[in-house]
Amino acid sequence: MEGFFGLALNVILTIYLVIDSKKHGKNPVLWGILGVVFGAIALGIYLIRTDRKLVGWIVTILSIIGYLALILIVGLAILFTVAGFS
C-alpha cells in the first residue's frame, strides 16, 4: 500500500511539473524527467526557480530530511539484521 501511495504521489508531482512548467516558459520534458527521478526535491527546486522561494525551500528541506531519515532507518535495519539483533 505504501509503495502505491509513493508512486501515485510521484506521478502527481510529475504531472504538475510538466503542466506548470509550460505556463512559466520552462522545458516541460526536462522538468518531467526530473520529477520522475527526484520527486519532491525536483518540485522544491522548481518552485524556487519560479519565484515561489519560501514554499520551494520548505519542500526541498523537508524532502531531503525525509530521504536522509529513510536512509538512516534502512541502514539501521541492515546493521541490526547483520549483527544478529532482533
N, C-alpha and C. Protein backbone atom coordinates (compact mmCIF):
# COMPACT_ATOMS: atom_id res chain seq x y z
N MET A 1 0.82 -1.19 0.00
CA MET A 1 0.00 0.00 0.00
C MET A 1 0.87 1.26 0.00
N GLU A 2 1.96 1.23 0.81
CA GLU A 2 2.81 2.41 0.87
C GLU A 2 3.51 2.65 -0.47
N GLY A 3 3.88 1.57 -1.14
CA GLY A 3 4.54 1.71 -2.44
C GLY A 3 3.63 2.35 -3.47
N PHE A 4 2.35 1.98 -3.43
CA PHE A 4 1.38 2.58 -4.34
C PHE A 4 1.21 4.06 -4.05
N PHE A 5 1.15 4.43 -2.77
CA PHE A 5 0.99 5.84 -2.40
C PHE A 5 2.19 6.66 -2.87
N GLY A 6 3.40 6.13 -2.68
CA GLY A 6 4.60 6.84 -3.13
C GLY A 6 4.64 7.00 -4.63
N LEU A 7 4.26 5.95 -5.35
CA LEU A 7 4.23 6.02 -6.81
C LEU A 7 3.18 7.02 -7.28
N ALA A 8 2.00 6.97 -6.67
CA ALA A 8 0.93 7.90 -7.06
C ALA A 8 1.33 9.34 -6.79
N LEU A 9 1.98 9.59 -5.65
CA LEU A 9 2.43 10.95 -5.33
C LEU A 9 3.48 11.42 -6.33
N ASN A 10 4.39 10.54 -6.71
CA ASN A 10 5.43 10.88 -7.68
C ASN A 10 4.82 11.19 -9.05
N VAL A 11 3.81 10.43 -9.46
CA VAL A 11 3.14 10.68 -10.73
C VAL A 11 2.42 12.03 -10.69
N ILE A 12 1.75 12.33 -9.59
CA ILE A 12 1.04 13.62 -9.46
C ILE A 12 2.03 14.78 -9.50
N LEU A 13 3.16 14.65 -8.79
CA LEU A 13 4.19 15.70 -8.81
C LEU A 13 4.73 15.91 -10.23
N THR A 14 4.96 14.82 -10.94
CA THR A 14 5.50 14.91 -12.30
C THR A 14 4.50 15.58 -13.24
N ILE A 15 3.24 15.20 -13.14
CA ILE A 15 2.20 15.83 -13.97
C ILE A 15 2.12 17.32 -13.67
N TYR A 16 2.16 17.69 -12.39
CA TYR A 16 2.14 19.11 -12.02
C TYR A 16 3.33 19.85 -12.61
N LEU A 17 4.53 19.25 -12.50
CA LEU A 17 5.73 19.91 -13.03
C LEU A 17 5.62 20.11 -14.54
N VAL A 18 5.12 19.12 -15.27
CA VAL A 18 5.02 19.23 -16.73
C VAL A 18 4.02 20.32 -17.10
N ILE A 19 2.87 20.33 -16.47
CA ILE A 19 1.82 21.31 -16.81
C ILE A 19 2.24 22.72 -16.41
N ASP A 20 2.77 22.87 -15.19
CA ASP A 20 3.10 24.21 -14.71
C ASP A 20 4.34 24.78 -15.39
N SER A 21 5.27 23.90 -15.81
CA SER A 21 6.47 24.41 -16.47
C SER A 21 6.14 25.07 -17.81
N LYS A 22 5.11 24.58 -18.48
CA LYS A 22 4.68 25.22 -19.73
C LYS A 22 4.20 26.64 -19.47
N LYS A 23 3.49 26.85 -18.36
CA LYS A 23 2.96 28.17 -18.01
C LYS A 23 4.06 29.17 -17.69
N HIS A 24 5.20 28.67 -17.19
CA HIS A 24 6.30 29.56 -16.79
C HIS A 24 7.42 29.60 -17.83
N GLY A 25 7.19 29.03 -19.00
CA GLY A 25 8.19 29.09 -20.06
C GLY A 25 9.40 28.21 -19.82
N LYS A 26 9.24 27.17 -19.00
CA LYS A 26 10.33 26.23 -18.74
C LYS A 26 10.15 25.00 -19.63
N ASN A 27 11.17 24.19 -19.72
CA ASN A 27 11.15 22.99 -20.55
C ASN A 27 10.36 21.88 -19.84
N PRO A 28 9.16 21.54 -20.34
CA PRO A 28 8.35 20.53 -19.65
C PRO A 28 8.95 19.13 -19.68
N VAL A 29 9.70 18.79 -20.72
CA VAL A 29 10.32 17.46 -20.79
C VAL A 29 11.39 17.34 -19.70
N LEU A 30 12.20 18.36 -19.55
CA LEU A 30 13.24 18.36 -18.52
C LEU A 30 12.63 18.22 -17.13
N TRP A 31 11.62 19.04 -16.84
CA TRP A 31 11.02 19.01 -15.50
C TRP A 31 10.24 17.72 -15.28
N GLY A 32 9.70 17.13 -16.33
CA GLY A 32 9.04 15.84 -16.20
C GLY A 32 10.03 14.75 -15.82
N ILE A 33 11.17 14.74 -16.50
CA ILE A 33 12.20 13.75 -16.19
C ILE A 33 12.73 13.96 -14.76
N LEU A 34 12.99 15.20 -14.40
CA LEU A 34 13.47 15.49 -13.05
C LEU A 34 12.43 15.08 -12.01
N GLY A 35 11.15 15.29 -12.31
CA GLY A 35 10.09 14.89 -11.39
C GLY A 35 10.03 13.39 -11.19
N VAL A 36 10.21 12.63 -12.26
CA VAL A 36 10.19 11.17 -12.15
C VAL A 36 11.39 10.67 -11.35
N VAL A 37 12.56 11.24 -11.61
CA VAL A 37 13.78 10.75 -10.98
C VAL A 37 13.92 11.23 -9.53
N PHE A 38 13.66 12.52 -9.28
CA PHE A 38 13.95 13.10 -7.97
C PHE A 38 12.72 13.43 -7.13
N GLY A 39 11.53 13.38 -7.69
CA GLY A 39 10.30 13.56 -6.92
C GLY A 39 10.18 14.92 -6.26
N ALA A 40 10.03 14.91 -4.93
CA ALA A 40 9.75 16.12 -4.17
C ALA A 40 10.91 17.11 -4.20
N ILE A 41 12.14 16.61 -4.30
CA ILE A 41 13.28 17.53 -4.39
C ILE A 41 13.19 18.35 -5.68
N ALA A 42 12.83 17.72 -6.78
CA ALA A 42 12.66 18.44 -8.05
C ALA A 42 11.54 19.47 -7.93
N LEU A 43 10.45 19.11 -7.24
CA LEU A 43 9.37 20.07 -7.05
C LEU A 43 9.85 21.28 -6.27
N GLY A 44 10.61 21.06 -5.21
CA GLY A 44 11.13 22.17 -4.42
C GLY A 44 12.04 23.08 -5.22
N ILE A 45 12.93 22.48 -6.00
CA ILE A 45 13.84 23.28 -6.82
C ILE A 45 13.06 24.04 -7.89
N TYR A 46 12.05 23.38 -8.47
CA TYR A 46 11.23 24.06 -9.47
C TYR A 46 10.51 25.26 -8.87
N LEU A 47 9.97 25.10 -7.67
CA LEU A 47 9.29 26.22 -7.02
C LEU A 47 10.25 27.37 -6.74
N ILE A 48 11.48 27.04 -6.34
CA ILE A 48 12.49 28.08 -6.12
C ILE A 48 12.79 28.80 -7.43
N ARG A 49 12.94 28.04 -8.51
CA ARG A 49 13.29 28.63 -9.82
C ARG A 49 12.16 29.47 -10.41
N THR A 50 10.92 29.24 -9.97
CA THR A 50 9.79 30.01 -10.50
C THR A 50 9.30 31.05 -9.49
N ASP A 51 10.22 31.54 -8.65
CA ASP A 51 9.98 32.64 -7.72
C ASP A 51 8.93 32.35 -6.65
N ARG A 52 8.80 31.09 -6.26
CA ARG A 52 8.00 30.72 -5.10
C ARG A 52 8.97 30.13 -4.07
N LYS A 53 9.90 31.02 -3.66
CA LYS A 53 11.08 30.59 -2.91
C LYS A 53 10.76 30.01 -1.54
N LEU A 54 9.87 30.62 -0.78
CA LEU A 54 9.60 30.14 0.57
C LEU A 54 9.05 28.72 0.55
N VAL A 55 8.03 28.49 -0.25
CA VAL A 55 7.44 27.15 -0.35
C VAL A 55 8.46 26.18 -0.93
N GLY A 56 9.22 26.63 -1.92
CA GLY A 56 10.23 25.78 -2.55
C GLY A 56 11.29 25.31 -1.56
N TRP A 57 11.78 26.24 -0.74
CA TRP A 57 12.80 25.86 0.25
C TRP A 57 12.23 24.93 1.30
N ILE A 58 10.99 25.16 1.71
CA ILE A 58 10.36 24.27 2.69
C ILE A 58 10.23 22.86 2.13
N VAL A 59 9.73 22.75 0.90
CA VAL A 59 9.57 21.43 0.27
C VAL A 59 10.93 20.75 0.09
N THR A 60 11.92 21.49 -0.36
CA THR A 60 13.25 20.92 -0.59
C THR A 60 13.87 20.41 0.71
N ILE A 61 13.84 21.23 1.74
CA ILE A 61 14.45 20.84 3.02
C ILE A 61 13.73 19.65 3.64
N LEU A 62 12.39 19.68 3.63
CA LEU A 62 11.64 18.56 4.20
C LEU A 62 11.86 17.26 3.42
N SER A 63 11.95 17.36 2.10
CA SER A 63 12.17 16.14 1.33
C SER A 63 13.58 15.59 1.54
N ILE A 64 14.57 16.45 1.68
CA ILE A 64 15.93 15.98 1.97
C ILE A 64 15.98 15.33 3.35
N ILE A 65 15.33 15.94 4.33
CA ILE A 65 15.28 15.34 5.67
C ILE A 65 14.58 13.98 5.61
N GLY A 66 13.50 13.89 4.84
CA GLY A 66 12.79 12.62 4.71
C GLY A 66 13.65 11.55 4.07
N TYR A 67 14.37 11.89 3.00
CA TYR A 67 15.25 10.92 2.35
C TYR A 67 16.37 10.49 3.28
N LEU A 68 16.95 11.43 4.03
CA LEU A 68 18.01 11.07 4.98
C LEU A 68 17.49 10.16 6.08
N ALA A 69 16.28 10.44 6.57
CA ALA A 69 15.67 9.58 7.59
C ALA A 69 15.44 8.17 7.05
N LEU A 70 14.99 8.08 5.82
CA LEU A 70 14.77 6.77 5.20
C LEU A 70 16.09 6.00 5.07
N ILE A 71 17.14 6.68 4.64
CA ILE A 71 18.45 6.04 4.52
C ILE A 71 18.94 5.58 5.89
N LEU A 72 18.73 6.40 6.92
CA LEU A 72 19.15 6.03 8.27
C LEU A 72 18.38 4.80 8.77
N ILE A 73 17.08 4.77 8.56
CA ILE A 73 16.26 3.64 9.00
C ILE A 73 16.67 2.36 8.28
N VAL A 74 16.86 2.44 6.98
CA VAL A 74 17.28 1.26 6.22
C VAL A 74 18.67 0.81 6.66
N GLY A 75 19.56 1.75 6.88
CA GLY A 75 20.91 1.41 7.34
C GLY A 75 20.89 0.74 8.70
N LEU A 76 20.08 1.25 9.61
CA LEU A 76 19.97 0.63 10.93
C LEU A 76 19.34 -0.76 10.84
N ALA A 77 18.35 -0.92 9.98
CA ALA A 77 17.73 -2.23 9.80
C ALA A 77 18.74 -3.24 9.27
N ILE A 78 19.57 -2.83 8.33
CA ILE A 78 20.60 -3.73 7.80
C ILE A 78 21.63 -4.04 8.88
N LEU A 79 22.02 -3.03 9.64
CA LEU A 79 23.00 -3.23 10.71
C LEU A 79 22.50 -4.23 11.74
N PHE A 80 21.26 -4.06 12.19
CA PHE A 80 20.70 -4.97 13.19
C PHE A 80 20.49 -6.36 12.62
N THR A 81 20.16 -6.46 11.36
CA THR A 81 19.97 -7.77 10.73
C THR A 81 21.31 -8.51 10.62
N VAL A 82 22.34 -7.81 10.19
CA VAL A 82 23.65 -8.43 10.01
C VAL A 82 24.26 -8.77 11.37
N ALA A 83 24.06 -7.90 12.36
CA ALA A 83 24.65 -8.13 13.68
C ALA A 83 23.92 -9.19 14.48
N GLY A 84 22.74 -9.58 14.04
CA GLY A 84 22.01 -10.64 14.72
C GLY A 84 21.07 -10.15 15.81
N PHE A 85 20.89 -8.84 15.93
CA PHE A 85 19.94 -8.32 16.93
C PHE A 85 18.54 -8.48 16.38
N SER A 86 17.58 -8.74 17.28
CA SER A 86 16.19 -8.80 16.81
C SER A 86 15.23 -8.37 17.88
